[in-house]
Amino acid sequence: MKSRLEGRKSGMNRDMIKGIAMVTMTLNHIAAAFLEPGTVSYEILTDIGYFTAITMCYFLVEGYAYTRSKRKYVIRLLIFALLSQIPYAMVFSEEKHLLTTNLNMMFTLFFCFWIIYAQKEIMPDNTRRNITMISVFATAFCDWPIFAAIFTLLFLWAEESEERKRKAFLLSMCLFGVIWFVQRVGIYSFNTSLILALGSMTGIGLSGICLLYFYNGRKCRKGAAFLKWVFYLYYPVHLLILGLIRWYR
């Protein structure tokens, strides 16, 4: 993967794609905070927002190999997860009670990091299996429960194979659509559920197209360190802004 991607002189770099993911995530959160579920605008913004989670899992797996200090990386994820939880609850809690059954996406990435660690580092099979299973289970209490763990495992399986990466995105997209359909077919009619399920696959499909065919494997040449902190800070800050607007409008 590395040699093929870095051979591209054009295309989108990692930070450009992360910027797109920030925008799509914001649209998804705007829908969650202010729009009525089931409306056309809600469904469109939510579906577009599904671009973000699988993109972040992809970059988490890719970035693991380039991270100089795994310890600092995982601590950073945990710190921003803790900072983000109250703003996350402000956006996603019902009736402004500041309670939510889920942990935010930073916690999801934190647990997915341990899945990667377990698979990449040399350790006994039982230890590797146990850490992986515990981490997958932990994501059940987070945003994108289980799905993010599956995305991470699929990208680990894909490694540097372009064919496997295409299969990973296709499997992710189909699995998400099927589960979405099964969960809602009793709420909506069959045809409506099918249309909405297909729509829910859009964001994941767009992520696959973007990363497989337009990503050049590089990061921004200027301001990379600054952008890294922008990406981390944006998550809690934009949630806090949306949460404050939602609570005090």
C-alpha atoms as a PDB file:
ATOM      1  CA  MET A   1       0.000   0.000   0.000  1.00  0.00           C
ATOM      2  CA  LYS A   2       2.633   2.487   1.028  1.00  0.00           C
ATOM      3  CA  SER A   3       4.662   2.352  -2.156  1.00  0.00           C
ATOM      4  CA  ARG A   4       1.628   2.508  -4.425  1.00  0.00           C
ATOM      5  CA  LEU A   5       0.029   5.401  -2.591  1.00  0.00           C
ATOM      6  CA  GLU A   6       3.173   7.414  -2.205  1.00  0.00           C
ATOM      7  CA  GLY A   7       3.728   7.072  -5.918  1.00  0.00           C
ATOM      8  CA  ARG A   8       0.761   9.326  -6.498  1.00  0.00           C
ATOM      9  CA  LYS A   9       1.700  12.959  -6.858  1.00  0.00           C
ATOM     10  CA  SER A  10      -1.890  14.129  -7.063  1.00  0.00           C
ATOM     11  CA  GLY A  11      -4.963  13.249  -5.095  1.00  0.00           C
ATOM     12  CA  MET A  12      -5.935  14.016  -1.525  1.00  0.00           C
ATOM     13  CA  ASN A  13      -3.573  13.803   1.404  1.00  0.00           C
ATOM     14  CA  ARG A  14      -4.446  12.428   4.828  1.00  0.00           C
ATOM     15  CA  ASP A  15      -5.234  15.809   6.346  1.00  0.00           C
ATOM     16  CA  MET A  16      -7.568  16.773   3.516  1.00  0.00           C
ATOM     17  CA  ILE A  17      -9.562  13.585   4.030  1.00  0.00           C
ATOM     18  CA  LYS A  18      -9.620  14.140   7.784  1.00  0.00           C
ATOM     19  CA  GLY A  19     -10.960  17.632   7.074  1.00  0.00           C
ATOM     20  CA  ILE A  20     -13.780  16.118   5.019  1.00  0.00           C
ATOM     21  CA  ALA A  21     -14.452  13.702   7.869  1.00  0.00           C
ATOM     22  CA  MET A  22     -14.722  16.636  10.285  1.00  0.00           C
ATOM     23  CA  VAL A  23     -17.338  18.274   8.081  1.00  0.00           C
ATOM     24  CA  THR A  24     -19.391  15.106   7.608  1.00  0.00           C
ATOM     25  CA  MET A  25     -19.217  14.382  11.344  1.00  0.00           C
ATOM     26  CA  THR A  26     -20.489  17.875  12.091  1.00  0.00           C
ATOM     27  CA  LEU A  27     -23.413  17.412   9.706  1.00  0.00           C
ATOM     28  CA  ASN A  28     -24.273  14.143  11.432  1.00  0.00           C
ATOM     29  CA  HIS A  29     -24.177  15.789  14.860  1.00  0.00           C
ATOM     30  CA  ILE A  30     -26.259  18.748  13.684  1.00  0.00           C
ATOM     31  CA  ALA A  31     -28.907  16.274  12.563  1.00  0.00           C
ATOM     32  CA  ALA A  32     -28.761  14.467  15.914  1.00  0.00           C
ATOM     33  CA  ALA A  33     -29.008  17.688  17.918  1.00  0.00           C
ATOM     34  CA  PHE A  34     -31.599  19.674  15.980  1.00  0.00           C
ATOM     35  CA  LEU A  35     -33.506  17.657  13.375  1.00  0.00           C
ATOM     36  CA  GLU A  36     -36.427  15.291  13.659  1.00  0.00           C
ATOM     37  CA  PRO A  37     -35.574  11.625  12.959  1.00  0.00           C
ATOM     38  CA  GLY A  38     -37.269  10.302   9.847  1.00  0.00           C
ATOM     39  CA  THR A  39     -37.267  13.618   7.981  1.00  0.00           C
ATOM     40  CA  VAL A  40     -35.455  13.857   4.662  1.00  0.00           C
ATOM     41  CA  SER A  41     -32.943  16.402   5.951  1.00  0.00           C
ATOM     42  CA  TYR A  42     -32.195  14.265   9.008  1.00  0.00           C
ATOM     43  CA  GLU A  43     -31.613  11.120   6.945  1.00  0.00           C
ATOM     44  CA  ILE A  44     -29.383  12.877   4.394  1.00  0.00           C
ATOM     45  CA  LEU A  45     -27.140  14.578   6.970  1.00  0.00           C
ATOM     46  CA  THR A  46     -26.956  11.442   9.095  1.00  0.00           C
ATOM     47  CA  ASP A  47     -26.049   9.215   6.139  1.00  0.00           C
ATOM     48  CA  ILE A  48     -23.350  11.611   4.959  1.00  0.00           C
ATOM     49  CA  GLY A  49     -21.969  11.640   8.490  1.00  0.00           C
ATOM     50  CA  TYR A  50     -21.344   7.896   8.394  1.00  0.00           C
ATOM     51  CA  PHE A  51     -18.286   8.769   6.290  1.00  0.00           C
ATOM     52  CA  THR A  52     -16.378   9.714   9.427  1.00  0.00           C
ATOM     53  CA  ALA A  53     -16.255   6.659  11.697  1.00  0.00           C
ATOM     54  CA  ILE A  54     -14.871   4.181   9.179  1.00  0.00           C
ATOM     55  CA  THR A  55     -12.410   6.805   7.900  1.00  0.00           C
ATOM     56  CA  MET A  56     -11.091   7.317  11.421  1.00  0.00           C
ATOM     57  CA  CYS A  57     -10.738   3.551  11.909  1.00  0.00           C
ATOM     58  CA  TYR A  58      -8.803   3.336   8.637  1.00  0.00           C
ATOM     59  CA  PHE A  59      -6.395   6.072   9.702  1.00  0.00           C
ATOM     60  CA  LEU A  60      -6.075   4.585  13.185  1.00  0.00           C
ATOM     61  CA  VAL A  61      -4.852   1.305  11.685  1.00  0.00           C
ATOM     62  CA  GLU A  62      -2.630   3.047   9.163  1.00  0.00           C
ATOM     63  CA  GLY A  63      -1.237   5.524  11.674  1.00  0.00           C
ATOM     64  CA  TYR A  64      -0.309   2.869  14.219  1.00  0.00           C
ATOM     65  CA  ALA A  65       2.758   1.938  12.209  1.00  0.00           C
ATOM     66  CA  TYR A  66       3.909   5.571  11.969  1.00  0.00           C
ATOM     67  CA  THR A  67       3.326   6.525  15.596  1.00  0.00           C
ATOM     68  CA  ARG A  68       6.618   7.017  17.386  1.00  0.00           C
ATOM     69  CA  SER A  69       5.202   6.624  20.883  1.00  0.00           C
ATOM     70  CA  LYS A  70       2.282   4.229  21.195  1.00  0.00           C
ATOM     71  CA  ARG A  71       2.017   5.166  24.868  1.00  0.00           C
ATOM     72  CA  LYS A  72       1.575   8.881  24.167  1.00  0.00           C
ATOM     73  CA  TYR A  73      -0.886   8.098  21.385  1.00  0.00           C
ATOM     74  CA  VAL A  74      -3.195   5.993  23.550  1.00  0.00           C
ATOM     75  CA  ILE A  75      -2.991   8.438  26.469  1.00  0.00           C
ATOM     76  CA  ARG A  76      -3.899  11.273  24.115  1.00  0.00           C
ATOM     77  CA  LEU A  77      -6.949   9.344  22.903  1.00  0.00           C
ATOM     78  CA  LEU A  78      -8.040   8.719  26.497  1.00  0.00           C
ATOM     79  CA  ILE A  79      -7.575  12.358  27.556  1.00  0.00           C
ATOM     80  CA  PHE A  80      -9.661  13.681  24.674  1.00  0.00           C
ATOM     81  CA  ALA A  81     -12.251  10.964  25.250  1.00  0.00           C
ATOM     82  CA  LEU A  82     -12.681  12.173  28.828  1.00  0.00           C
ATOM     83  CA  LEU A  83     -12.782  15.819  27.732  1.00  0.00           C
ATOM     84  CA  SER A  84     -15.427  15.024  25.122  1.00  0.00           C
ATOM     85  CA  GLN A  85     -17.891  13.042  27.220  1.00  0.00           C
ATOM     86  CA  ILE A  86     -19.882  15.909  28.751  1.00  0.00           C
ATOM     87  CA  PRO A  87     -20.169  17.791  25.417  1.00  0.00           C
ATOM     88  CA  TYR A  88     -21.164  14.482  23.795  1.00  0.00           C
ATOM     89  CA  ALA A  89     -23.851  13.950  26.422  1.00  0.00           C
ATOM     90  CA  MET A  90     -25.150  17.488  25.848  1.00  0.00           C
ATOM     91  CA  VAL A  91     -25.719  16.678  22.177  1.00  0.00           C
ATOM     92  CA  PHE A  92     -27.046  13.128  22.459  1.00  0.00           C
ATOM     93  CA  SER A  93     -28.876  13.028  25.797  1.00  0.00           C
ATOM     94  CA  GLU A  94     -32.656  13.099  25.713  1.00  0.00           C
ATOM     95  CA  GLU A  95     -34.637  15.870  27.426  1.00  0.00           C
ATOM     96  CA  LYS A  96     -31.458  17.680  28.490  1.00  0.00           C
ATOM     97  CA  HIS A  97     -30.681  15.364  31.408  1.00  0.00           C
ATOM     98  CA  LEU A  98     -26.963  15.187  30.577  1.00  0.00           C
ATOM     99  CA  LEU A  99     -27.096  11.411  30.590  1.00  0.00           C
ATOM    100  CA  THR A 100     -26.306   9.018  27.790  1.00  0.00           C
ATOM    101  CA  THR A 101     -25.831   5.272  27.698  1.00  0.00           C
ATOM    102  CA  ASN A 102     -22.964   5.578  25.215  1.00  0.00           C
ATOM    103  CA  LEU A 103     -19.397   6.775  25.487  1.00  0.00           C
ATOM    104  CA  ASN A 104     -18.146   9.069  22.735  1.00  0.00           C
ATOM    105  CA  MET A 105     -16.200   8.162  19.595  1.00  0.00           C
ATOM    106  CA  MET A 106     -12.835   8.960  21.172  1.00  0.00           C
ATOM    107  CA  PHE A 107     -13.448   6.121  23.623  1.00  0.00           C
ATOM    108  CA  THR A 108     -14.308   3.926  20.639  1.00  0.00           C
ATOM    109  CA  LEU A 109     -10.966   4.743  19.024  1.00  0.00           C
ATOM    110  CA  PHE A 110      -9.239   4.198  22.373  1.00  0.00           C
ATOM    111  CA  PHE A 111     -10.554   0.632  22.548  1.00  0.00           C
ATOM    112  CA  CYS A 112      -9.865   0.055  18.846  1.00  0.00           C
ATOM    113  CA  PHE A 113      -6.258   1.064  19.521  1.00  0.00           C
ATOM    114  CA  TRP A 114      -5.989  -1.892  21.911  1.00  0.00           C
ATOM    115  CA  ILE A 115      -7.372  -4.199  19.225  1.00  0.00           C
ATOM    116  CA  ILE A 116      -4.558  -3.064  16.943  1.00  0.00           C
ATOM    117  CA  TYR A 117      -2.007  -3.347  19.737  1.00  0.00           C
ATOM    118  CA  ALA A 118      -3.104  -6.896  20.511  1.00  0.00           C
ATOM    119  CA  GLN A 119      -2.868  -7.940  16.870  1.00  0.00           C
ATOM    120  CA  LYS A 120       0.397  -6.179  16.070  1.00  0.00           C
ATOM    121  CA  GLU A 121       2.574  -6.726  19.106  1.00  0.00           C
ATOM    122  CA  ILE A 122       4.226 -10.039  19.911  1.00  0.00           C
ATOM    123  CA  MET A 123       2.353 -11.745  22.751  1.00  0.00           C
ATOM    124  CA  PRO A 124       0.952 -15.192  23.611  1.00  0.00           C
ATOM    125  CA  ASP A 125      -2.086 -16.225  21.577  1.00  0.00           C
ATOM    126  CA  ASN A 126      -4.387 -16.328  24.605  1.00  0.00           C
ATOM    127  CA  THR A 127      -3.361 -12.845  25.709  1.00  0.00           C
ATOM    128  CA  ARG A 128      -3.833 -11.459  22.208  1.00  0.00           C
ATOM    129  CA  ARG A 129      -7.227 -13.106  21.919  1.00  0.00           C
ATOM    130  CA  ASN A 130      -8.372 -11.897  25.338  1.00  0.00           C
ATOM    131  CA  ILE A 131      -7.308  -8.293  24.804  1.00  0.00           C
ATOM    132  CA  THR A 132      -9.028  -8.273  21.416  1.00  0.00           C
ATOM    133  CA  MET A 133     -12.264  -9.737  22.765  1.00  0.00           C
ATOM    134  CA  ILE A 134     -12.377  -7.380  25.751  1.00  0.00           C
ATOM    135  CA  SER A 135     -11.721  -4.374  23.516  1.00  0.00           C
ATOM    136  CA  VAL A 136     -14.392  -5.399  21.007  1.00  0.00           C
ATOM    137  CA  PHE A 137     -16.867  -5.884  23.866  1.00  0.00           C
ATOM    138  CA  ALA A 138     -15.943  -2.484  25.351  1.00  0.00           C
ATOM    139  CA  THR A 139     -16.934  -0.738  22.117  1.00  0.00           C
ATOM    140  CA  ALA A 140     -20.490  -2.003  22.700  1.00  0.00           C
ATOM    141  CA  PHE A 141     -20.828   0.828  25.224  1.00  0.00           C
ATOM    142  CA  CYS A 142     -19.486   3.476  22.837  1.00  0.00           C
ATOM    143  CA  ASP A 143     -20.501   5.383  19.753  1.00  0.00           C
ATOM    144  CA  TRP A 144     -20.485   3.037  16.738  1.00  0.00           C
ATOM    145  CA  PRO A 145     -20.793  -0.031  18.993  1.00  0.00           C
ATOM    146  CA  ILE A 146     -19.072  -3.156  17.647  1.00  0.00           C
ATOM    147  CA  PHE A 147     -19.087  -1.742  14.103  1.00  0.00           C
ATOM    148  CA  ALA A 148     -15.926   0.308  14.682  1.00  0.00           C
ATOM    149  CA  ALA A 149     -14.197  -2.770  16.090  1.00  0.00           C
ATOM    150  CA  ILE A 150     -15.221  -4.766  13.012  1.00  0.00           C
ATOM    151  CA  PHE A 151     -13.940  -1.998  10.716  1.00  0.00           C
ATOM    152  CA  THR A 152     -10.629  -2.037  12.588  1.00  0.00           C
ATOM    153  CA  LEU A 153     -10.267  -5.802  12.372  1.00  0.00           C
ATOM    154  CA  LEU A 154     -11.100  -5.773   8.660  1.00  0.00           C
ATOM    155  CA  PHE A 155      -8.450  -3.136   7.950  1.00  0.00           C
ATOM    156  CA  LEU A 156      -5.933  -5.126   9.977  1.00  0.00           C
ATOM    157  CA  TRP A 157      -6.822  -8.147   7.869  1.00  0.00           C
ATOM    158  CA  ALA A 158      -6.458  -6.110   4.681  1.00  0.00           C
ATOM    159  CA  GLU A 159      -2.934  -4.890   5.560  1.00  0.00           C
ATOM    160  CA  GLU A 160      -1.322  -3.682   2.322  1.00  0.00           C
ATOM    161  CA  SER A 161      -3.562  -5.601  -0.077  1.00  0.00           C
ATOM    162  CA  GLU A 162      -5.679  -3.335  -2.267  1.00  0.00           C
ATOM    163  CA  GLU A 163      -7.998  -6.208  -3.094  1.00  0.00           C
ATOM    164  CA  ARG A 164      -8.571  -6.932   0.582  1.00  0.00           C
ATOM    165  CA  LYS A 165      -9.159  -3.262   1.273  1.00  0.00           C
ATOM    166  CA  ARG A 166     -11.894  -3.161  -1.332  1.00  0.00           C
ATOM    167  CA  LYS A 167     -13.426  -6.247   0.256  1.00  0.00           C
ATOM    168  CA  ALA A 168     -13.124  -4.653   3.705  1.00  0.00           C
ATOM    169  CA  PHE A 169     -15.060  -1.580   2.628  1.00  0.00           C
ATOM    170  CA  LEU A 170     -17.631  -3.635   0.749  1.00  0.00           C
ATOM    171  CA  LEU A 171     -18.180  -5.955   3.729  1.00  0.00           C
ATOM    172  CA  SER A 172     -18.414  -2.990   6.098  1.00  0.00           C
ATOM    173  CA  MET A 173     -20.933  -1.241   3.892  1.00  0.00           C
ATOM    174  CA  CYS A 174     -23.107  -4.314   3.392  1.00  0.00           C
ATOM    175  CA  LEU A 175     -22.995  -5.346   7.050  1.00  0.00           C
ATOM    176  CA  PHE A 176     -23.990  -1.876   8.196  1.00  0.00           C
ATOM    177  CA  GLY A 177     -26.821  -1.701   5.677  1.00  0.00           C
ATOM    178  CA  VAL A 178     -28.161  -5.144   6.604  1.00  0.00           C
ATOM    179  CA  ILE A 179     -28.120  -4.443  10.344  1.00  0.00           C
ATOM    180  CA  TRP A 180     -29.726  -1.034   9.756  1.00  0.00           C
ATOM    181  CA  PHE A 181     -32.464  -2.707   7.687  1.00  0.00           C
ATOM    182  CA  VAL A 182     -33.133  -5.474  10.233  1.00  0.00           C
ATOM    183  CA  GLN A 183     -33.411  -2.969  13.099  1.00  0.00           C
ATOM    184  CA  ARG A 184     -35.936  -0.766  11.308  1.00  0.00           C
ATOM    185  CA  VAL A 185     -38.011  -3.070   9.114  1.00  0.00           C
ATOM    186  CA  GLY A 186     -40.500  -3.424  11.957  1.00  0.00           C
ATOM    187  CA  ILE A 187     -40.776   0.347  12.313  1.00  0.00           C
ATOM    188  CA  TYR A 188     -41.103   1.317   8.655  1.00  0.00           C
ATOM    189  CA  SER A 189     -42.521  -0.511   5.662  1.00  0.00           C
ATOM    190  CA  PHE A 190     -40.282  -2.987   3.830  1.00  0.00           C
ATOM    191  CA  ASN A 191     -39.681  -0.647   0.878  1.00  0.00           C
ATOM    192  CA  THR A 192     -39.007   2.379   3.073  1.00  0.00           C
ATOM    193  CA  SER A 193     -36.647   0.369   5.267  1.00  0.00           C
ATOM    194  CA  LEU A 194     -34.784  -0.878   2.195  1.00  0.00           C
ATOM    195  CA  ILE A 195     -34.389   2.638   0.777  1.00  0.00           C
ATOM    196  CA  LEU A 196     -33.216   4.021   4.111  1.00  0.00           C
ATOM    197  CA  ALA A 197     -30.818   1.096   4.571  1.00  0.00           C
ATOM    198  CA  LEU A 198     -29.277   1.750   1.157  1.00  0.00           C
ATOM    199  CA  GLY A 199     -28.963   5.414   2.083  1.00  0.00           C
ATOM    200  CA  SER A 200     -27.216   4.501   5.339  1.00  0.00           C
ATOM    201  CA  MET A 201     -24.498   2.773   3.300  1.00  0.00           C
ATOM    202  CA  THR A 202     -23.674   5.960   1.403  1.00  0.00           C
ATOM    203  CA  GLY A 203     -21.167   7.443   3.841  1.00  0.00           C
ATOM    204  CA  ILE A 204     -19.166   4.228   4.146  1.00  0.00           C
ATOM    205  CA  GLY A 205     -19.173   3.808   0.371  1.00  0.00           C
ATOM    206  CA  LEU A 206     -17.937   7.375  -0.140  1.00  0.00           C
ATOM    207  CA  SER A 207     -15.181   6.781   2.404  1.00  0.00           C
ATOM    208  CA  GLY A 208     -14.084   3.706   0.478  1.00  0.00           C
ATOM    209  CA  ILE A 209     -14.004   5.582  -2.817  1.00  0.00           C
ATOM    210  CA  CYS A 210     -12.092   8.447  -1.260  1.00  0.00           C
ATOM    211  CA  LEU A 211      -9.473   6.296   0.473  1.00  0.00           C
ATOM    212  CA  LEU A 212      -9.042   3.669  -2.224  1.00  0.00           C
ATOM    213  CA  TYR A 213      -8.973   5.876  -5.305  1.00  0.00           C
ATOM    214  CA  PHE A 214      -8.084   9.435  -4.268  1.00  0.00           C
ATOM    215  CA  TYR A 215      -5.870   9.137  -1.184  1.00  0.00           C
ATOM    216  CA  ASN A 216      -2.198   9.659  -2.030  1.00  0.00           C
ATOM    217  CA  GLY A 217      -0.835   8.213   1.217  1.00  0.00           C
ATOM    218  CA  ARG A 218       0.748  11.466   2.336  1.00  0.00           C
ATOM    219  CA  LYS A 219       0.129  14.019   5.045  1.00  0.00           C
ATOM    220  CA  CYS A 220       0.054  17.780   4.618  1.00  0.00           C
ATOM    221  CA  ARG A 221       3.546  19.122   3.969  1.00  0.00           C
ATOM    222  CA  LYS A 222       3.079  22.292   6.010  1.00  0.00           C
ATOM    223  CA  GLY A 223       1.551  22.625   9.446  1.00  0.00           C
ATOM    224  CA  ALA A 224       1.157  18.891  10.085  1.00  0.00           C
ATOM    225  CA  ALA A 225       1.800  19.246  13.828  1.00  0.00           C
ATOM    226  CA  PHE A 226      -0.683  22.116  14.087  1.00  0.00           C
ATOM    227  CA  LEU A 227      -3.336  20.198  12.147  1.00  0.00           C
ATOM    228  CA  LYS A 228      -2.910  17.172  14.402  1.00  0.00           C
ATOM    229  CA  TRP A 229      -4.052  19.211  17.386  1.00  0.00           C
ATOM    230  CA  VAL A 230      -6.816  20.850  15.374  1.00  0.00           C
ATOM    231  CA  PHE A 231      -8.263  17.412  14.617  1.00  0.00           C
ATOM    232  CA  TYR A 232      -8.099  16.377  18.274  1.00  0.00           C
ATOM    233  CA  LEU A 233      -9.537  19.632  19.628  1.00  0.00           C
ATOM    234  CA  TYR A 234     -12.278  19.928  17.045  1.00  0.00           C
ATOM    235  CA  TYR A 235     -14.173  16.929  18.383  1.00  0.00           C
ATOM    236  CA  PRO A 236     -14.894  18.186  21.934  1.00  0.00           C
ATOM    237  CA  VAL A 237     -15.122  21.842  20.886  1.00  0.00           C
ATOM    238  CA  HIS A 238     -17.722  21.378  18.146  1.00  0.00           C
ATOM    239  CA  LEU A 239     -19.751  19.076  20.416  1.00  0.00           C
ATOM    240  CA  LEU A 240     -19.653  21.689  23.172  1.00  0.00           C
ATOM    241  CA  ILE A 241     -20.848  24.419  20.805  1.00  0.00           C
ATOM    242  CA  LEU A 242     -23.676  22.271  19.437  1.00  0.00           C
ATOM    243  CA  GLY A 243     -24.579  21.140  22.947  1.00  0.00           C
ATOM    244  CA  LEU A 244     -24.758  24.692  24.290  1.00  0.00           C
ATOM    245  CA  ILE A 245     -26.923  25.793  21.366  1.00  0.00           C
ATOM    246  CA  ARG A 246     -29.218  22.818  21.873  1.00  0.00           C
ATOM    247  CA  TRP A 247     -29.593  23.405  25.611  1.00  0.00           C
ATOM    248  CA  TYR A 248     -30.049  27.168  25.587  1.00  0.00           C
ATOM    249  CA  ARG A 249     -31.871  27.928  22.359  1.00  0.00           C
END
